[in-house]
Amino acid sequence: MKLILASSSPRRQELLQQVHIPFTIRKPNVDESQITETNPAEKVKQLAMLKGREVLIQDKDEVILSSDTVVSFQQNIFEKPADKQAAYKMIEAMSGKTHEVYTGVMLRSAEQEVVFVENTKVEFWPLTEEEIISYIETDEPYDKAGGYGIQSVGAMFVKGIIGDYYNVVGLPISRVVRELSKFEIFPR
């Protein structure tokens, strides 16, 4: 079986490479705005399914992997910030508090389909205005849900987590590996 990653996310690619699962990229072309769900778990599930169904299975040996990640804080979904002001507001809101990161994953072959959602709680240290401003002046916040990357400079904000660290990076890789084994795809 061959894995097709329906994503151009460098973080998801790195995680699959880290566990030695070969893959090919086939990026979906979807309008994510058509998913208007406000429940974060349901939203990432629907987005993962939308992306996963957009990528066609071209060979009976292919398995499509699609996913989506959002940050949720006090019933508000924080996706990728559009600008510095949005990034500042997100990070300031989460300062000294706990938020949740949801990733929806869909695995699909010609024979079967598996969809699941992982949830990780992340607690931030109380942050100063200077820390937030310094951070949003980097390029880092703008391609990440919630405006921070736990795997890079944003790590300095994180006081603790409950759940899967890699889920916060963008793909709950240990669960993905276990689910892929059902499709006869294993690390090499």
Protein backbone atom coordinates (compact mmCIF):
# COMPACT_ATOMS: atom_id res chain seq x y z
CA MET A 1 0.00 0.00 0.00
CA LYS A 2 1.12 3.56 -0.76
CA LEU A 3 0.42 6.58 1.43
CA ILE A 4 -0.75 9.81 -0.20
CA LEU A 5 -0.48 12.87 2.04
CA ALA A 6 -3.27 15.30 1.17
CA SER A 7 -1.37 18.27 2.59
CA SER A 8 1.54 20.55 1.82
CA SER A 9 2.25 21.14 5.52
CA PRO A 10 5.99 20.85 6.15
CA ARG A 11 5.29 19.81 9.75
CA ARG A 12 3.11 16.87 8.71
CA GLN A 13 5.74 15.82 6.18
CA GLU A 14 8.48 15.96 8.84
CA LEU A 15 6.43 13.85 11.26
CA LEU A 16 5.83 11.12 8.67
CA GLN A 17 9.54 11.18 7.77
CA GLN A 18 10.44 11.00 11.48
CA VAL A 19 8.63 7.65 11.80
CA HIS A 20 9.95 6.37 8.44
CA ILE A 21 6.64 6.18 6.59
CA PRO A 22 7.15 6.92 2.89
CA PHE A 23 4.52 9.09 1.22
CA THR A 24 3.69 11.11 -1.85
CA ILE A 25 2.10 14.56 -1.63
CA ARG A 26 -1.12 15.26 -3.47
CA LYS A 27 -2.46 18.60 -2.27
CA PRO A 28 -6.24 19.02 -2.18
CA ASN A 29 -7.81 22.11 -3.70
CA VAL A 30 -10.70 22.93 -1.37
CA ASP A 31 -12.58 25.96 -0.15
CA GLU A 32 -12.30 25.57 3.63
CA SER A 33 -14.77 28.43 4.18
CA GLN A 34 -17.63 26.11 3.19
CA ILE A 35 -17.21 24.40 6.59
CA THR A 36 -18.94 26.77 9.00
CA GLU A 37 -19.04 24.44 12.02
CA THR A 38 -18.26 26.21 15.31
CA ASN A 39 -17.55 23.10 17.42
CA PRO A 40 -13.75 22.65 17.09
CA ALA A 41 -13.77 18.82 17.16
CA GLU A 42 -16.51 18.65 14.55
CA LYS A 43 -14.88 21.38 12.42
CA VAL A 44 -11.50 19.60 12.14
CA LYS A 45 -13.28 16.32 11.42
CA GLN A 46 -15.32 17.90 8.61
CA LEU A 47 -12.27 19.69 7.18
CA ALA A 48 -10.18 16.50 7.22
CA MET A 49 -13.00 14.70 5.40
CA LEU A 50 -13.43 17.54 2.88
CA LYS A 51 -9.70 17.47 2.07
CA GLY A 52 -9.52 13.67 2.03
CA ARG A 53 -12.42 13.27 -0.37
CA GLU A 54 -11.04 15.95 -2.72
CA VAL A 55 -7.94 13.85 -3.43
CA LEU A 56 -8.82 11.04 -5.79
CA ILE A 57 -7.65 7.50 -5.26
CA GLN A 58 -5.78 6.77 -8.49
CA ASP A 59 -4.67 3.24 -7.67
CA LYS A 60 -6.29 0.50 -5.56
CA ASP A 61 -3.11 0.41 -3.42
CA GLU A 62 -3.36 4.05 -2.31
CA VAL A 63 -4.34 5.35 1.12
CA ILE A 64 -5.17 9.04 1.44
CA LEU A 65 -4.17 10.83 4.68
CA SER A 66 -5.78 14.22 5.27
CA SER A 67 -5.99 16.34 8.40
CA ASP A 68 -6.73 19.73 9.85
CA THR A 69 -5.74 21.42 13.11
CA VAL A 70 -7.33 24.27 15.06
CA VAL A 71 -6.78 25.86 18.45
CA SER A 72 -9.81 26.42 20.66
CA PHE A 73 -9.94 28.90 23.52
CA GLN A 74 -13.12 29.60 25.49
CA GLN A 75 -15.37 28.32 22.71
CA ASN A 76 -13.54 30.37 20.05
CA ILE A 77 -11.68 28.68 17.21
CA PHE A 78 -8.25 30.17 16.52
CA GLU A 79 -7.04 29.27 13.07
CA LYS A 80 -4.02 30.84 11.33
CA PRO A 81 -3.86 34.57 12.13
CA ALA A 82 -4.26 36.86 9.13
CA ASP A 83 -1.96 39.58 10.46
CA LYS A 84 0.05 40.85 13.45
CA GLN A 85 -3.02 42.25 15.18
CA ALA A 86 -4.84 38.90 14.98
CA ALA A 87 -1.73 37.02 16.17
CA TYR A 88 -1.32 39.41 19.10
CA LYS A 89 -4.97 39.01 20.15
CA MET A 90 -4.78 35.22 20.04
CA ILE A 91 -1.57 34.91 22.02
CA GLU A 92 -2.60 37.57 24.53
CA ALA A 93 -5.93 35.80 25.11
CA MET A 94 -4.18 32.47 25.83
CA SER A 95 -1.53 34.05 28.10
CA GLY A 96 -1.58 32.41 31.54
CA LYS A 97 -4.44 30.11 30.53
CA THR A 98 -5.16 26.70 29.04
CA HIS A 99 -6.42 26.17 25.50
CA GLU A 100 -7.09 23.07 23.43
CA VAL A 101 -5.66 21.88 20.14
CA TYR A 102 -7.82 19.65 17.94
CA THR A 103 -6.62 17.68 14.93
CA GLY A 104 -9.02 15.79 12.72
CA VAL A 105 -7.57 12.96 10.64
CA MET A 106 -9.07 10.96 7.78
CA LEU A 107 -7.50 7.82 6.29
CA ARG A 108 -9.21 6.54 3.18
CA SER A 109 -8.59 3.71 0.74
CA ALA A 110 -10.81 2.14 -1.89
CA GLU A 111 -11.84 -0.42 0.77
CA GLN A 112 -12.17 1.48 4.04
CA GLU A 113 -12.26 4.84 5.79
CA VAL A 114 -11.18 5.88 9.30
CA VAL A 115 -11.85 9.33 10.79
CA PHE A 116 -10.79 10.46 14.27
CA VAL A 117 -10.08 13.59 16.30
CA GLU A 118 -7.30 14.09 18.85
CA ASN A 119 -7.44 16.76 21.56
CA THR A 120 -4.50 18.14 23.56
CA LYS A 121 -4.67 20.72 26.34
CA VAL A 122 -1.88 23.36 26.34
CA GLU A 123 -1.19 25.77 29.20
CA PHE A 124 0.69 29.01 28.52
CA TRP A 125 2.82 30.92 31.01
CA PRO A 126 1.61 34.45 31.74
CA LEU A 127 3.23 36.48 28.94
CA THR A 128 4.41 40.06 28.89
CA GLU A 129 3.45 42.47 26.15
CA GLU A 130 7.12 42.58 25.11
CA GLU A 131 7.27 38.77 24.72
CA ILE A 132 4.17 38.75 22.53
CA ILE A 133 5.31 41.69 20.37
CA SER A 134 8.76 40.18 19.93
CA TYR A 135 7.18 36.90 18.83
CA ILE A 136 4.69 38.37 16.36
CA GLU A 137 7.55 40.27 14.69
CA THR A 138 8.91 36.88 13.52
CA ASP A 139 7.42 34.98 10.57
CA GLU A 140 6.43 32.09 12.80
CA PRO A 141 2.83 32.84 13.87
CA TYR A 142 1.25 33.27 10.47
CA ASP A 143 1.10 29.72 9.12
CA LYS A 144 0.09 28.05 12.39
CA ALA A 145 -3.27 27.50 14.05
CA GLY A 146 -3.48 29.68 17.14
CA GLY A 147 -0.56 31.77 15.96
CA TYR A 148 2.24 29.77 17.57
CA GLY A 149 4.47 26.80 16.89
CA ILE A 150 5.13 24.54 19.88
CA GLN A 151 8.00 22.90 17.97
CA SER A 152 9.90 26.16 17.48
CA VAL A 153 10.11 29.61 19.10
CA GLY A 154 6.53 29.37 20.43
CA ALA A 155 7.78 26.63 22.78
CA MET A 156 8.83 29.39 25.21
CA PHE A 157 5.13 30.13 25.92
CA VAL A 158 4.22 26.57 26.93
CA LYS A 159 4.06 25.81 30.66
CA GLY A 160 2.65 22.30 30.16
CA ILE A 161 0.52 20.00 28.04
CA ILE A 162 -1.90 17.17 28.65
CA GLY A 163 -2.14 14.86 25.67
CA ASP A 164 -0.16 14.25 22.50
CA TYR A 165 2.60 16.81 21.85
CA TYR A 166 2.67 15.91 18.14
CA ASN A 167 -1.04 16.69 17.89
CA VAL A 168 -0.11 20.29 18.74
CA VAL A 169 2.59 20.22 16.03
CA GLY A 170 -0.15 19.24 13.56
CA LEU A 171 -0.50 15.45 13.38
CA PRO A 172 -1.01 12.93 16.22
CA ILE A 173 1.64 10.70 14.66
CA SER A 174 1.54 7.77 17.10
CA ARG A 175 -2.22 7.33 16.59
CA VAL A 176 -1.79 7.80 12.83
CA VAL A 177 0.84 5.02 12.73
CA ARG A 178 -1.50 2.68 14.62
CA GLU A 179 -4.42 3.47 12.32
CA LEU A 180 -2.23 3.09 9.19
CA SER A 181 -1.37 -0.47 10.26
CA LYS A 182 -5.04 -1.33 9.58
CA PHE A 183 -4.32 -0.31 5.97
CA GLU A 184 -1.12 -2.42 5.83
CA ILE A 185 1.15 0.66 5.95
CA PHE A 186 4.01 0.41 8.42
CA PRO A 187 7.17 2.36 9.27
CA ARG A 188 10.19 1.15 7.30
